[in-house]
Amino acid sequence: SKVGKHARQDRLENRFQESWEDYEIDRDLTRE
């Protein structure tokens, strides 16, 4: 929040068309 309103999570997710959770899952995914 110190960065400003343009750095809010909801605005970033709307602009990137991807939630942080989905991105994190894709990044850290490992197959068992």
Full PDB file with SEQRES, HELIX, SHEET, SSBOND, CRYST1, ORIGX, SCALE, CONECT and MASTER records, all heavy atoms in Angstrom:
SEQRES   1 A   32  SER LYS VAL GLY LYS HIS ALA ARG GLN ASP ARG LEU GLU          
SEQRES   2 A   32  ASN ARG PHE GLN GLU SER TRP GLU ASP TYR GLU ILE ASP          
SEQRES   3 A   32  ARG ASP LEU THR ARG GLU                                      
HELIX    1 AA1 LYS A    5  ALA A    7  5                                   3    
HELIX    2 AA2 GLN A    9  PHE A   16  1                                   8    
HELIX    3 AA3 TRP A   20  ASP A   28  1                                   9    
CRYST1    1.000    1.000    1.000  90.00  90.00  90.00 P 1           1          
ORIGX1      1.000000  0.000000  0.000000        0.00000                         
ORIGX2      0.000000  1.000000  0.000000        0.00000                         
ORIGX3      0.000000  0.000000  1.000000        0.00000                         
SCALE1      1.000000  0.000000  0.000000        0.00000                         
SCALE2      0.000000  1.000000  0.000000        0.00000                         
SCALE3      0.000000  0.000000  1.000000        0.00000                         
ATOM      1  N   SER A   1       0.814  -1.212   0.000  1.00  0.00           N  
ATOM      2  CA  SER A   1       0.000   0.000   0.000  1.00  0.00           C  
ATOM      3  C   SER A   1       0.849   1.264   0.000  1.00  0.00           C  
ATOM      4  O   SER A   1       0.366   2.330  -0.385  1.00  0.00           O  
ATOM      5  CB  SER A   1      -0.915   0.005   1.228  1.00  0.00           C  
ATOM      6  OG  SER A   1      -0.150  -0.062   2.422  1.00  0.00           O  
ATOM      7  N   LYS A   2       2.119   1.166   0.426  1.00  0.00           N  
ATOM      8  CA  LYS A   2       3.000   2.339   0.422  1.00  0.00           C  
ATOM      9  C   LYS A   2       3.306   2.814  -0.995  1.00  0.00           C  
ATOM     10  O   LYS A   2       3.683   3.969  -1.192  1.00  0.00           O  
ATOM     11  CB  LYS A   2       4.312   2.009   1.148  1.00  0.00           C  
ATOM     12  CG  LYS A   2       4.164   1.736   2.635  1.00  0.00           C  
ATOM     13  CD  LYS A   2       3.814   2.995   3.394  1.00  0.00           C  
ATOM     14  CE  LYS A   2       3.793   2.732   4.890  1.00  0.00           C  
ATOM     15  NZ  LYS A   2       3.456   3.954   5.655  1.00  0.00           N  
ATOM     16  N   VAL A   3       3.161   1.935  -1.988  1.00  0.00           N  
ATOM     17  CA  VAL A   3       3.487   2.310  -3.364  1.00  0.00           C  
ATOM     18  C   VAL A   3       2.407   3.204  -3.951  1.00  0.00           C  
ATOM     19  O   VAL A   3       2.694   4.111  -4.730  1.00  0.00           O  
ATOM     20  CB  VAL A   3       3.681   1.047  -4.231  1.00  0.00           C  
ATOM     21  CG1 VAL A   3       4.039   1.418  -5.655  1.00  0.00           C  
ATOM     22  CG2 VAL A   3       4.777   0.187  -3.631  1.00  0.00           C  
ATOM     23  N   GLY A   4       1.135   2.975  -3.595  1.00  0.00           N  
ATOM     24  CA  GLY A   4       0.053   3.802  -4.116  1.00  0.00           C  
ATOM     25  C   GLY A   4      -1.125   2.971  -4.564  1.00  0.00           C  
ATOM     26  O   GLY A   4      -1.108   1.734  -4.565  1.00  0.00           O  
ATOM     27  N   LYS A   5      -2.202   3.662  -5.009  1.00  0.00           N  
ATOM     28  CA  LYS A   5      -3.430   2.980  -5.404  1.00  0.00           C  
ATOM     29  C   LYS A   5      -3.226   2.106  -6.632  1.00  0.00           C  
ATOM     30  O   LYS A   5      -3.875   1.072  -6.785  1.00  0.00           O  
ATOM     31  CB  LYS A   5      -4.530   4.012  -5.687  1.00  0.00           C  
ATOM     32  CG  LYS A   5      -5.005   4.754  -4.455  1.00  0.00           C  
ATOM     33  CD  LYS A   5      -6.133   5.710  -4.806  1.00  0.00           C  
ATOM     34  CE  LYS A   5      -6.648   6.429  -3.560  1.00  0.00           C  
ATOM     35  NZ  LYS A   5      -7.740   7.384  -3.897  1.00  0.00           N  
ATOM     36  N   HIS A   6      -2.341   2.520  -7.538  1.00  0.00           N  
ATOM     37  CA  HIS A   6      -2.125   1.735  -8.759  1.00  0.00           C  
ATOM     38  C   HIS A   6      -1.461   0.397  -8.467  1.00  0.00           C  
ATOM     39  O   HIS A   6      -1.399  -0.465  -9.352  1.00  0.00           O  
ATOM     40  CB  HIS A   6      -1.268   2.531  -9.737  1.00  0.00           C  
ATOM     41  CG  HIS A   6       0.020   3.026  -9.149  1.00  0.00           C  
ATOM     42  ND1 HIS A   6       0.091   4.215  -8.462  1.00  0.00           N  
ATOM     43  CD2 HIS A   6       1.252   2.486  -9.107  1.00  0.00           C  
ATOM     44  CE1 HIS A   6       1.326   4.395  -8.047  1.00  0.00           C  
ATOM     45  NE2 HIS A   6       2.043   3.366  -8.411  1.00  0.00           N  
ATOM     46  N   ALA A   7      -0.958   0.214  -7.232  1.00  0.00           N  
ATOM     47  CA  ALA A   7      -0.310  -1.053  -6.875  1.00  0.00           C  
ATOM     48  C   ALA A   7      -1.223  -1.945  -6.054  1.00  0.00           C  
ATOM     49  O   ALA A   7      -0.763  -2.900  -5.444  1.00  0.00           O  
ATOM     50  CB  ALA A   7       0.979  -0.780  -6.094  1.00  0.00           C  
ATOM     51  N   ARG A   8      -2.522  -1.651  -6.025  1.00  0.00           N  
ATOM     52  CA  ARG A   8      -3.453  -2.509  -5.299  1.00  0.00           C  
ATOM     53  C   ARG A   8      -3.603  -3.847  -6.007  1.00  0.00           C  
ATOM     54  O   ARG A   8      -3.553  -3.938  -7.231  1.00  0.00           O  
ATOM     55  CB  ARG A   8      -4.819  -1.824  -5.190  1.00  0.00           C  
ATOM     56  CG  ARG A   8      -4.849  -0.755  -4.119  1.00  0.00           C  
ATOM     57  CD  ARG A   8      -6.078   0.105  -4.162  1.00  0.00           C  
ATOM     58  NE  ARG A   8      -7.277  -0.618  -4.534  1.00  0.00           N  
ATOM     59  CZ  ARG A   8      -8.462  -0.015  -4.681  1.00  0.00           C  
ATOM     60  NH1 ARG A   8      -8.558   1.295  -4.483  1.00  0.00           N  
ATOM     61  NH2 ARG A   8      -9.524  -0.704  -5.031  1.00  0.00           N  
ATOM     62  N   GLN A   9      -3.802  -4.900  -5.211  1.00  0.00           N  
ATOM     63  CA  GLN A   9      -3.847  -6.256  -5.764  1.00  0.00           C  
ATOM     64  C   GLN A   9      -4.980  -6.408  -6.779  1.00  0.00           C  
ATOM     65  O   GLN A   9      -4.786  -7.001  -7.842  1.00  0.00           O  
ATOM     66  CB  GLN A   9      -4.031  -7.265  -4.636  1.00  0.00           C  
ATOM     67  CG  GLN A   9      -4.089  -8.717  -5.128  1.00  0.00           C  
ATOM     68  CD  GLN A   9      -4.328  -9.691  -4.000  1.00  0.00           C  
ATOM     69  OE1 GLN A   9      -4.364  -9.319  -2.841  1.00  0.00           O  
ATOM     70  NE2 GLN A   9      -4.503 -10.947  -4.326  1.00  0.00           N  
ATOM     71  N   ASP A  10      -6.179  -5.851  -6.464  1.00  0.00           N  
ATOM     72  CA  ASP A  10      -7.299  -6.034  -7.382  1.00  0.00           C  
ATOM     73  C   ASP A  10      -7.055  -5.354  -8.712  1.00  0.00           C  
ATOM     74  O   ASP A  10      -7.409  -5.870  -9.778  1.00  0.00           O  
ATOM     75  CB  ASP A  10      -8.590  -5.524  -6.740  1.00  0.00           C  
ATOM     76  CG  ASP A  10      -8.474  -4.079  -6.281  1.00  0.00           C  
ATOM     77  OD1 ASP A  10      -7.335  -3.563  -6.228  1.00  0.00           O  
ATOM     78  OD2 ASP A  10      -9.508  -3.463  -5.979  1.00  0.00           O  
ATOM     79  N   ARG A  11      -6.413  -4.179  -8.697  1.00  0.00           N  
ATOM     80  CA  ARG A  11      -6.126  -3.491  -9.958  1.00  0.00           C  
ATOM     81  C   ARG A  11      -5.075  -4.230 -10.779  1.00  0.00           C  
ATOM     82  O   ARG A  11      -5.187  -4.332 -12.005  1.00  0.00           O  
ATOM     83  CB  ARG A  11      -5.660  -2.061  -9.676  1.00  0.00           C  
ATOM     84  CG  ARG A  11      -6.739  -1.187  -9.047  1.00  0.00           C  
ATOM     85  CD  ARG A  11      -6.355   0.274  -9.064  1.00  0.00           C  
ATOM     86  NE  ARG A  11      -7.415   1.097  -8.532  1.00  0.00           N  
ATOM     87  CZ  ARG A  11      -7.378   2.435  -8.520  1.00  0.00           C  
ATOM     88  NH1 ARG A  11      -6.337   3.068  -9.031  1.00  0.00           N  
ATOM     89  NH2 ARG A  11      -8.382   3.124  -7.997  1.00  0.00           N  
ATOM     90  N   LEU A  12      -4.069  -4.759 -10.096  1.00  0.00           N  
ATOM     91  CA  LEU A  12      -3.047  -5.512 -10.825  1.00  0.00           C  
ATOM     92  C   LEU A  12      -3.634  -6.780 -11.428  1.00  0.00           C  
ATOM     93  O   LEU A  12      -3.342  -7.121 -12.581  1.00  0.00           O  
ATOM     94  CB  LEU A  12      -1.896  -5.865  -9.872  1.00  0.00           C  
ATOM     95  CG  LEU A  12      -1.051  -4.686  -9.368  1.00  0.00           C  
ATOM     96  CD1 LEU A  12      -0.053  -5.161  -8.319  1.00  0.00           C  
ATOM     97  CD2 LEU A  12      -0.322  -3.999 -10.512  1.00  0.00           C  
ATOM     98  N   GLU A  13      -4.482  -7.479 -10.679  1.00  0.00           N  
ATOM     99  CA  GLU A  13      -5.085  -8.713 -11.200  1.00  0.00           C  
ATOM    100  C   GLU A  13      -6.003  -8.421 -12.385  1.00  0.00           C  
ATOM    101  O   GLU A  13      -6.030  -9.190 -13.354  1.00  0.00           O  
ATOM    102  CB  GLU A  13      -5.852  -9.411 -10.081  1.00  0.00           C  
ATOM    103  CG  GLU A  13      -4.946 -10.009  -9.026  1.00  0.00           C  
ATOM    104  CD  GLU A  13      -5.719 -10.724  -7.924  1.00  0.00           C  
ATOM    105  OE1 GLU A  13      -6.924 -10.471  -7.791  1.00  0.00           O  
ATOM    106  OE2 GLU A  13      -5.104 -11.534  -7.194  1.00  0.00           O  
ATOM    107  N   ASN A  14      -6.741  -7.310 -12.328  1.00  0.00           N  
ATOM    108  CA  ASN A  14      -7.597  -6.955 -13.463  1.00  0.00           C  
ATOM    109  C   ASN A  14      -6.759  -6.622 -14.688  1.00  0.00           C  
ATOM    110  O   ASN A  14      -7.113  -6.983 -15.818  1.00  0.00           O  
ATOM    111  CB  ASN A  14      -8.485  -5.763 -13.098  1.00  0.00           C  
ATOM    112  CG  ASN A  14      -9.557  -6.137 -12.094  1.00  0.00           C  
ATOM    113  OD1 ASN A  14      -9.929  -7.305 -12.001  1.00  0.00           O  
ATOM    114  ND2 ASN A  14     -10.044  -5.169 -11.337  1.00  0.00           N  
ATOM    115  N   ARG A  15      -5.638  -5.942 -14.504  1.00  0.00           N  
ATOM    116  CA  ARG A  15      -4.803  -5.567 -15.640  1.00  0.00           C  
ATOM    117  C   ARG A  15      -4.044  -6.760 -16.208  1.00  0.00           C  
ATOM    118  O   ARG A  15      -3.878  -6.886 -17.416  1.00  0.00           O  
ATOM    119  CB  ARG A  15      -3.819  -4.474 -15.219  1.00  0.00           C  
ATOM    120  CG  ARG A  15      -3.209  -3.743 -16.414  1.00  0.00           C  
ATOM    121  CD  ARG A  15      -2.528  -2.464 -16.029  1.00  0.00           C  
ATOM    122  NE  ARG A  15      -1.170  -2.665 -15.626  1.00  0.00           N  
ATOM    123  CZ  ARG A  15      -0.670  -2.358 -14.462  1.00  0.00           C  
ATOM    124  NH1 ARG A  15      -1.434  -1.827 -13.546  1.00  0.00           N  
ATOM    125  NH2 ARG A  15       0.595  -2.572 -14.162  1.00  0.00           N  
ATOM    126  N   PHE A  16      -3.589  -7.648 -15.324  1.00  0.00           N  
ATOM    127  CA  PHE A  16      -2.833  -8.820 -15.785  1.00  0.00           C  
ATOM    128  C   PHE A  16      -3.738  -9.958 -16.236  1.00  0.00           C  
ATOM    129  O   PHE A  16      -3.265 -10.939 -16.800  1.00  0.00           O  
ATOM    130  CB  PHE A  16      -1.927  -9.333 -14.661  1.00  0.00           C  
ATOM    131  CG  PHE A  16      -0.867  -8.354 -14.233  1.00  0.00           C  
ATOM    132  CD1 PHE A  16      -0.245  -8.469 -12.990  1.00  0.00           C  
ATOM    133  CD2 PHE A  16      -0.490  -7.305 -15.067  1.00  0.00           C  
ATOM    134  CE1 PHE A  16       0.730  -7.568 -12.596  1.00  0.00           C  
ATOM    135  CE2 PHE A  16       0.484  -6.399 -14.668  1.00  0.00           C  
ATOM    136  CZ  PHE A  16       1.088  -6.528 -13.440  1.00  0.00           C  
ATOM    137  N   GLN A  17      -5.061  -9.842 -15.941  1.00  0.00           N  
ATOM    138  CA  GLN A  17      -6.015 -10.903 -16.280  1.00  0.00           C  
ATOM    139  C   GLN A  17      -5.623 -12.238 -15.640  1.00  0.00           C  
ATOM    140  O   GLN A  17      -5.797 -13.302 -16.222  1.00  0.00           O  
ATOM    141  CB  GLN A  17      -6.115 -11.054 -17.807  1.00  0.00           C  
ATOM    142  CG  GLN A  17      -6.700  -9.853 -18.522  1.00  0.00           C  
ATOM    143  CD  GLN A  17      -8.133  -9.590 -18.112  1.00  0.00           C  
ATOM    144  OE1 GLN A  17      -8.962 -10.493 -18.171  1.00  0.00           O  
ATOM    145  NE2 GLN A  17      -8.431  -8.376 -17.686  1.00  0.00           N  
ATOM    146  N   GLU A  18      -5.091 -12.151 -14.421  1.00  0.00           N  
ATOM    147  CA  GLU A  18      -4.682 -13.356 -13.706  1.00  0.00           C  
ATOM    148  C   GLU A  18      -4.537 -13.022 -12.233  1.00  0.00           C  
ATOM    149  O   GLU A  18      -3.962 -11.988 -11.885  1.00  0.00           O  
ATOM    150  CB  GLU A  18      -3.354 -13.890 -14.248  1.00  0.00           C  
ATOM    151  CG  GLU A  18      -2.903 -15.193 -13.603  1.00  0.00           C  
ATOM    152  CD  GLU A  18      -1.554 -15.664 -14.134  1.00  0.00           C  
ATOM    153  OE1 GLU A  18      -0.757 -14.811 -14.551  1.00  0.00           O  
ATOM    154  OE2 GLU A  18      -1.319 -16.885 -14.131  1.00  0.00           O  
ATOM    155  N   SER A  19      -5.082 -13.856 -11.385  1.00  0.00           N  
ATOM    156  CA  SER A  19      -4.936 -13.644  -9.946  1.00  0.00           C  
ATOM    157  C   SER A  19      -3.537 -14.071  -9.500  1.00  0.00           C  
ATOM    158  O   SER A  19      -2.868 -14.873 -10.153  1.00  0.00           O  
ATOM    159  CB  SER A  19      -5.995 -14.444  -9.174  1.00  0.00           C  
ATOM    160  OG  SER A  19      -5.752 -15.834  -9.300  1.00  0.00           O  
ATOM    161  N   TRP A  20      -3.120 -13.503  -8.363  1.00  0.00           N  
ATOM    162  CA  TRP A  20      -1.806 -13.863  -7.826  1.00  0.00           C  
ATOM    163  C   TRP A  20      -1.761 -15.344  -7.457  1.00  0.00           C  
ATOM    164  O   TRP A  20      -0.739 -16.002  -7.645  1.00  0.00           O  
ATOM    165  CB  TRP A  20      -1.504 -13.006  -6.603  1.00  0.00           C  
ATOM    166  CG  TRP A  20      -0.294 -13.466  -5.850  1.00  0.00           C  
ATOM    167  CD1 TRP A  20      -0.259 -14.236  -4.744  1.00  0.00           C  
ATOM    168  CD2 TRP A  20       1.079 -13.203  -6.181  1.00  0.00           C  
ATOM    169  NE1 TRP A  20       1.024 -14.462  -4.346  1.00  0.00           N  
ATOM    170  CE2 TRP A  20       1.877 -13.846  -5.212  1.00  0.00           C  
ATOM    171  CE3 TRP A  20       1.710 -12.492  -7.186  1.00  0.00           C  
ATOM    172  CZ2 TRP A  20       3.253 -13.780  -5.223  1.00  0.00           C  
ATOM    173  CZ3 TRP A  20       3.093 -12.431  -7.198  1.00  0.00           C  
ATOM    174  CH2 TRP A  20       3.851 -13.068  -6.231  1.00  0.00           C  
ATOM    175  N   GLU A  21      -2.868 -15.866  -6.932  1.00  0.00           N  
ATOM    176  CA  GLU A  21      -2.887 -17.267  -6.538  1.00  0.00           C  
ATOM    177  C   GLU A  21      -2.659 -18.180  -7.740  1.00  0.00           C  
ATOM    178  O   GLU A  21      -1.891 -19.152  -7.667  1.00  0.00           O  
ATOM    179  CB  GLU A  21      -4.216 -17.607  -5.858  1.00  0.00           C  
ATOM    180  CG  GLU A  21      -4.372 -17.049  -4.450  1.00  0.00           C  
ATOM    181  CD  GLU A  21      -4.637 -15.567  -4.445  1.00  0.00           C  
ATOM    182  OE1 GLU A  21      -4.962 -15.021  -5.532  1.00  0.00           O  
ATOM    183  OE2 GLU A  21      -4.499 -14.942  -3.379  1.00  0.00           O  
ATOM    184  N   ASP A  22      -3.344 -17.882  -8.868  1.00  0.00           N  
ATOM    185  CA  ASP A  22      -3.157 -18.702 -10.070  1.00  0.00           C  
ATOM    186  C   ASP A  22      -1.726 -18.601 -10.579  1.00  0.00           C  
ATOM    187  O   ASP A  22      -1.112 -19.607 -10.980  1.00  0.00           O  
ATOM    188  CB  ASP A  22      -4.126 -18.259 -11.165  1.00  0.00           C  
ATOM    189  CG  ASP A  22      -5.557 -18.635 -10.840  1.00  0.00           C  
ATOM    190  OD1 ASP A  22      -5.751 -19.489  -9.961  1.00  0.00           O  
ATOM    191  OD2 ASP A  22      -6.476 -18.073 -11.459  1.00  0.00           O  
ATOM    192  N   TYR A  23      -1.183 -17.389 -10.562  1.00  0.00           N  
ATOM    193  CA  TYR A  23       0.200 -17.225 -11.024  1.00  0.00           C  
ATOM    194  C   TYR A  23       1.168 -17.980 -10.121  1.00  0.00           C  
ATOM    195  O   TYR A  23       2.098 -18.648 -10.593  1.00  0.00           O  
ATOM    196  CB  TYR A  23       0.557 -15.737 -11.037  1.00  0.00           C  
ATOM    197  CG  TYR A  23       2.038 -15.484 -11.117  1.00  0.00           C  
ATOM    198  CD1 TYR A  23       2.756 -15.737 -12.290  1.00  0.00           C  
ATOM    199  CD2 TYR A  23       2.740 -15.016 -10.011  1.00  0.00           C  
ATOM    200  CE1 TYR A  23       4.123 -15.511 -12.348  1.00  0.00           C  
ATOM    201  CE2 TYR A  23       4.100 -14.795 -10.062  1.00  0.00           C  
ATOM    202  CZ  TYR A  23       4.788 -15.049 -11.226  1.00  0.00           C  
ATOM    203  OH  TYR A  23       6.132 -14.835 -11.287  1.00  0.00           O  
ATOM    204  N   GLU A  24       0.937 -17.900  -8.821  1.00  0.00           N  
ATOM    205  CA  GLU A  24       1.841 -18.559  -7.878  1.00  0.00           C  
ATOM    206  C   GLU A  24       1.762 -20.078  -8.023  1.00  0.00           C  
ATOM    207  O   GLU A  24       2.771 -20.778  -7.920  1.00  0.00           O  
ATOM    208  CB  GLU A  24       1.476 -18.132  -6.459  1.00  0.00           C  
ATOM    209  CG  GLU A  24       2.558 -18.409  -5.441  1.00  0.00           C  
ATOM    210  CD  GLU A  24       2.219 -17.821  -4.091  1.00  0.00           C  
ATOM    211  OE1 GLU A  24       1.020 -17.691  -3.785  1.00  0.00           O  
ATOM    212  OE2 GLU A  24       3.145 -17.503  -3.331  1.00  0.00           O  
ATOM    213  N   ILE A  25       0.535 -20.564  -8.262  1.00  0.00           N  
ATOM    214  CA  ILE A  25       0.372 -22.007  -8.454  1.00  0.00           C  
ATOM    215  C   ILE A  25       1.104 -22.451  -9.717  1.00  0.00           C  
ATOM    216  O   ILE A  25       1.825 -23.466  -9.727  1.00  0.00           O  
ATOM    217  CB  ILE A  25      -1.122 -22.358  -8.530  1.00  0.00           C  
ATOM    218  CG1 ILE A  25      -1.751 -22.209  -7.140  1.00  0.00           C  
ATOM    219  CG2 ILE A  25      -1.317 -23.790  -9.022  1.00  0.00           C  
ATOM    220  CD1 ILE A  25      -3.248 -22.338  -7.139  1.00  0.00           C  
ATOM    221  N   ASP A  26       0.926 -21.691 -10.813  1.00  0.00           N  
ATOM    222  CA  ASP A  26       1.616 -22.040 -12.057  1.00  0.00           C  
ATOM    223  C   ASP A  26       3.130 -21.972 -11.893  1.00  0.00           C  
ATOM    224  O   ASP A  26       3.874 -22.768 -12.478  1.00  0.00           O  
ATOM    225  CB  ASP A  26       1.174 -21.087 -13.177  1.00  0.00           C  
ATOM    226  CG  ASP A  26      -0.272 -21.318 -13.583  1.00  0.00           C  
ATOM    227  OD1 ASP A  26      -0.788 -22.405 -13.270  1.00  0.00           O  
ATOM    228  OD2 ASP A  26      -0.873 -20.433 -14.192  1.00  0.00           O  
ATOM    229  N   ARG A  27       3.577 -21.049 -11.092  1.00  0.00           N  
ATOM    230  CA  ARG A  27       5.029 -20.880 -10.924  1.00  0.00           C  
ATOM    231  C   ARG A  27       5.632 -21.990 -10.071  1.00  0.00           C  
ATOM    232  O   ARG A  27       6.741 -22.451 -10.328  1.00  0.00           O  
ATOM    233  CB  ARG A  27       5.287 -19.506 -10.270  1.00  0.00           C  
ATOM    234  CG  ARG A  27       6.747 -19.150 -10.107  1.00  0.00           C  
ATOM    235  CD  ARG A  27       6.891 -17.923  -9.266  1.00  0.00           C  
ATOM    236  NE  ARG A  27       6.381 -18.155  -7.919  1.00  0.00           N  
ATOM    237  CZ  ARG A  27       6.300 -17.205  -6.981  1.00  0.00           C  
ATOM    238  NH1 ARG A  27       6.656 -15.973  -7.266  1.00  0.00           N  
ATOM    239  NH2 ARG A  27       5.844 -17.498  -5.785  1.00  0.00           N  
ATOM    240  N   ASP A  28       4.913 -22.371  -9.025  1.00  0.00           N  
ATOM    241  CA  ASP A  28       5.476 -23.318  -8.062  1.00  0.00           C  
ATOM    242  C   ASP A  28       5.000 -24.755  -8.257  1.00  0.00           C  
ATOM    243  O   ASP A  28       5.287 -25.622  -7.422  1.00  0.00           O  
ATOM    244  CB  ASP A  28       5.121 -22.867  -6.638  1.00  0.00           C  
ATOM    245  CG  ASP A  28       5.642 -21.482  -6.340  1.00  0.00           C  
ATOM    246  OD1 ASP A  28       6.619 -21.079  -6.995  1.00  0.00           O  
ATOM    247  OD2 ASP A  28       5.067 -20.804  -5.474  1.00  0.00           O  
ATOM    248  N   LEU A  29       4.233 -24.969  -9.333  1.00  0.00           N  
ATOM    249  CA  LEU A  29       3.626 -26.290  -9.502  1.00  0.00           C  
ATOM    250  C   LEU A  29       4.679 -27.378  -9.696  1.00  0.00           C  
ATOM    251  O   LEU A  29       5.600 -27.245 -10.477  1.00  0.00           O  
ATOM    252  CB  LEU A  29       2.690 -26.262 -10.721  1.00  0.00           C  
ATOM    253  CG  LEU A  29       1.975 -27.569 -11.039  1.00  0.00           C  
ATOM    254  CD1 LEU A  29       1.075 -27.964  -9.891  1.00  0.00           C  
ATOM    255  CD2 LEU A  29       1.191 -27.446 -12.329  1.00  0.00           C  
ATOM    256  N   THR A  30       4.533 -28.454  -8.965  1.00  0.00           N  
ATOM    257  CA  THR A  30       5.377 -29.647  -9.130  1.00  0.00           C  
ATOM    258  C   THR A  30       4.476 -30.860  -9.220  1.00  0.00           C  
ATOM    259  O   THR A  30       3.461 -30.946  -8.515  1.00  0.00           O  
ATOM    260  CB  THR A  30       6.334 -29.811  -7.935  1.00  0.00           C  
ATOM    261  OG1 THR A  30       5.575 -29.896  -6.746  1.00  0.00           O  
ATOM    262  CG2 THR A  30       7.326 -28.662  -7.859  1.00  0.00           C  
ATOM    263  N   ARG A  31       4.856 -31.746 -10.073  1.00  0.00           N  
ATOM    264  CA  ARG A  31       4.049 -32.965 -10.261  1.00  0.00           C  
ATOM    265  C   ARG A  31       4.468 -34.054  -9.291  1.00  0.00           C  
ATOM    266  O   ARG A  31       5.665 -34.234  -9.003  1.00  0.00           O  
ATOM    267  CB  ARG A  31       4.216 -33.479 -11.694  1.00  0.00           C  
ATOM    268  CG  ARG A  31       3.724 -32.515 -12.754  1.00  0.00           C  
ATOM    269  CD  ARG A  31       2.230 -32.317 -12.646  1.00  0.00           C  
ATOM    270  NE  ARG A  31       1.727 -31.495 -13.690  1.00  0.00           N  
ATOM    271  CZ  ARG A  31       1.316 -31.935 -14.864  1.00  0.00           C  
ATOM    272  NH1 ARG A  31       1.372 -33.228 -15.124  1.00  0.00           N  
ATOM    273  NH2 ARG A  31       0.858 -31.113 -15.776  1.00  0.00           N  
ATOM    274  N   GLU A  32       3.481 -34.752  -8.779  1.00  0.00           N  
ATOM    275  CA  GLU A  32       3.756 -35.908  -7.924  1.00  0.00           C  
ATOM    276  C   GLU A  32       3.564 -37.196  -8.729  1.00  0.00           C  
ATOM    277  O   GLU A  32       2.736 -37.276  -9.621  1.00  0.00           O  
ATOM    278  CB  GLU A  32       2.805 -35.910  -6.726  1.00  0.00           C  
ATOM    279  CG  GLU A  32       2.988 -34.719  -5.817  1.00  0.00           C  
ATOM    280  CD  GLU A  32       2.039 -34.773  -4.637  1.00  0.00           C  
ATOM    281  OE1 GLU A  32       1.254 -35.751  -4.580  1.00  0.00           O  
ATOM    282  OE2 GLU A  32       2.091 -33.868  -3.805  1.00  0.00           O  
TER     283      GLU A  32                                                      
MASTER        0    0    0    3    0    0    0    6  282    1    0    3          
END                                                                             
